[in-house]
C-alpha atoms as a PDB file:
ATOM      1  CA  MET A   1       5.164 -13.562  10.409  1.00  0.00           C
ATOM      2  CA  ILE A   2       5.619 -10.026  11.230  1.00  0.00           C
ATOM      3  CA  ILE A   3       5.756  -8.823   7.832  1.00  0.00           C
ATOM      4  CA  LEU A   4       2.436 -10.686   6.273  1.00  0.00           C
ATOM      5  CA  ILE A   5       0.590  -9.402   9.137  1.00  0.00           C
ATOM      6  CA  THR A   6       2.306  -5.751   8.637  1.00  0.00           C
ATOM      7  CA  CYS A   7       0.818  -6.138   4.524  1.00  0.00           C
ATOM      8  CA  LEU A   8      -2.692  -7.438   5.643  1.00  0.00           C
ATOM      9  CA  ILE A   9      -3.483  -4.912   8.321  1.00  0.00           C
ATOM     10  CA  GLY A  10      -2.206  -2.065   5.842  1.00  0.00           C
ATOM     11  CA  GLY A  11      -4.062  -3.188   2.760  1.00  0.00           C
ATOM     12  CA  LEU A  12      -6.937  -3.955   4.687  1.00  0.00           C
ATOM     13  CA  GLY A  13      -6.642  -0.206   5.710  1.00  0.00           C
ATOM     14  CA  ALA A  14      -5.650   1.115   2.431  1.00  0.00           C
ATOM     15  CA  GLY A  15      -8.388  -0.537   0.647  1.00  0.00           C
ATOM     16  CA  ILE A  16     -10.914   0.744   3.318  1.00  0.00           C
ATOM     17  CA  GLY A  17     -10.073   4.006   2.906  1.00  0.00           C
ATOM     18  CA  THR A  18      -9.432   4.227  -0.635  1.00  0.00           C
ATOM     19  CA  GLY A  19     -12.843   2.865  -0.853  1.00  0.00           C
ATOM     20  CA  LEU A  20     -14.382   5.555   1.318  1.00  0.00           C
ATOM     21  CA  ALA A  21     -12.697   8.449   0.079  1.00  0.00           C
ATOM     22  CA  GLY A  22     -12.580   6.928  -3.649  1.00  0.00           C
ATOM     23  CA  LEU A  23      -9.109   7.679  -4.277  1.00  0.00           C
ATOM     24  CA  SER A  24      -6.592   5.681  -6.024  1.00  0.00           C
ATOM     25  CA  ALA A  25      -5.071   3.206  -3.823  1.00  0.00           C
ATOM     26  CA  ALA A  26      -1.201   3.907  -5.017  1.00  0.00           C
ATOM     27  CA  ALA A  27      -1.470   7.376  -2.918  1.00  0.00           C
ATOM     28  CA  VAL A  28      -1.815   5.121   0.304  1.00  0.00           C
ATOM     29  CA  ILE A  29      -0.131   1.816  -0.781  1.00  0.00           C
ATOM     30  CA  SER A  30       3.676   3.316  -1.665  1.00  0.00           C
ATOM     31  CA  PRO A  31       3.797   5.214   1.656  1.00  0.00           C
ATOM     32  CA  MET A  32       2.637   2.273   3.625  1.00  0.00           C
ATOM     33  CA  LEU A  33       4.936   0.098   1.536  1.00  0.00           C
ATOM     34  CA  ILE A  34       8.193   2.391   1.642  1.00  0.00           C
ATOM     35  CA  THR A  35       7.742   3.251   6.008  1.00  0.00           C
ATOM     36  CA  PHE A  36       6.446  -0.198   6.984  1.00  0.00           C
ATOM     37  CA  LEU A  37       8.483  -2.692   4.800  1.00  0.00           C
ATOM     38  CA  GLY A  38      11.755  -0.710   3.872  1.00  0.00           C
ATOM     39  CA  MET A  39      11.102  -1.086   0.041  1.00  0.00           C
ATOM     40  CA  PRO A  40      13.003   0.865  -2.168  1.00  0.00           C
ATOM     41  CA  ALA A  41      10.817   4.332  -3.384  1.00  0.00           C
ATOM     42  CA  TYR A  42      10.883   3.196  -7.087  1.00  0.00           C
ATOM     43  CA  GLN A  43       9.804  -0.567  -6.228  1.00  0.00           C
ATOM     44  CA  ALA A  44       7.044   0.756  -4.017  1.00  0.00           C
ATOM     45  CA  VAL A  45       5.757   3.076  -6.526  1.00  0.00           C
ATOM     46  CA  GLY A  46       5.752   0.363  -8.884  1.00  0.00           C
ATOM     47  CA  ILE A  47       3.800  -2.167  -7.012  1.00  0.00           C
ATOM     48  CA  ALA A  48       1.041   0.568  -6.406  1.00  0.00           C
ATOM     49  CA  LEU A  49       0.502   1.839  -9.682  1.00  0.00           C
ATOM     50  CA  ALA A  50      -0.001  -1.906 -10.689  1.00  0.00           C
ATOM     51  CA  SER A  51      -2.453  -2.442  -8.013  1.00  0.00           C
ATOM     52  CA  ASP A  52      -4.306  -0.252  -9.334  1.00  0.00           C
ATOM     53  CA  VAL A  53      -4.727  -1.503 -13.101  1.00  0.00           C
END
């Protein structure tokens, strides 16, 4: 349950932050996935890039 809440809050923050700044979400989502969820870097970058498509 805590992982789900972390994903929701992280996604909301990444969406608002990148939307206001006009950045790619990959720049924000990758560090969040690696830091907060403990994902391997290759997997986190792949997920972040796929979310931009």
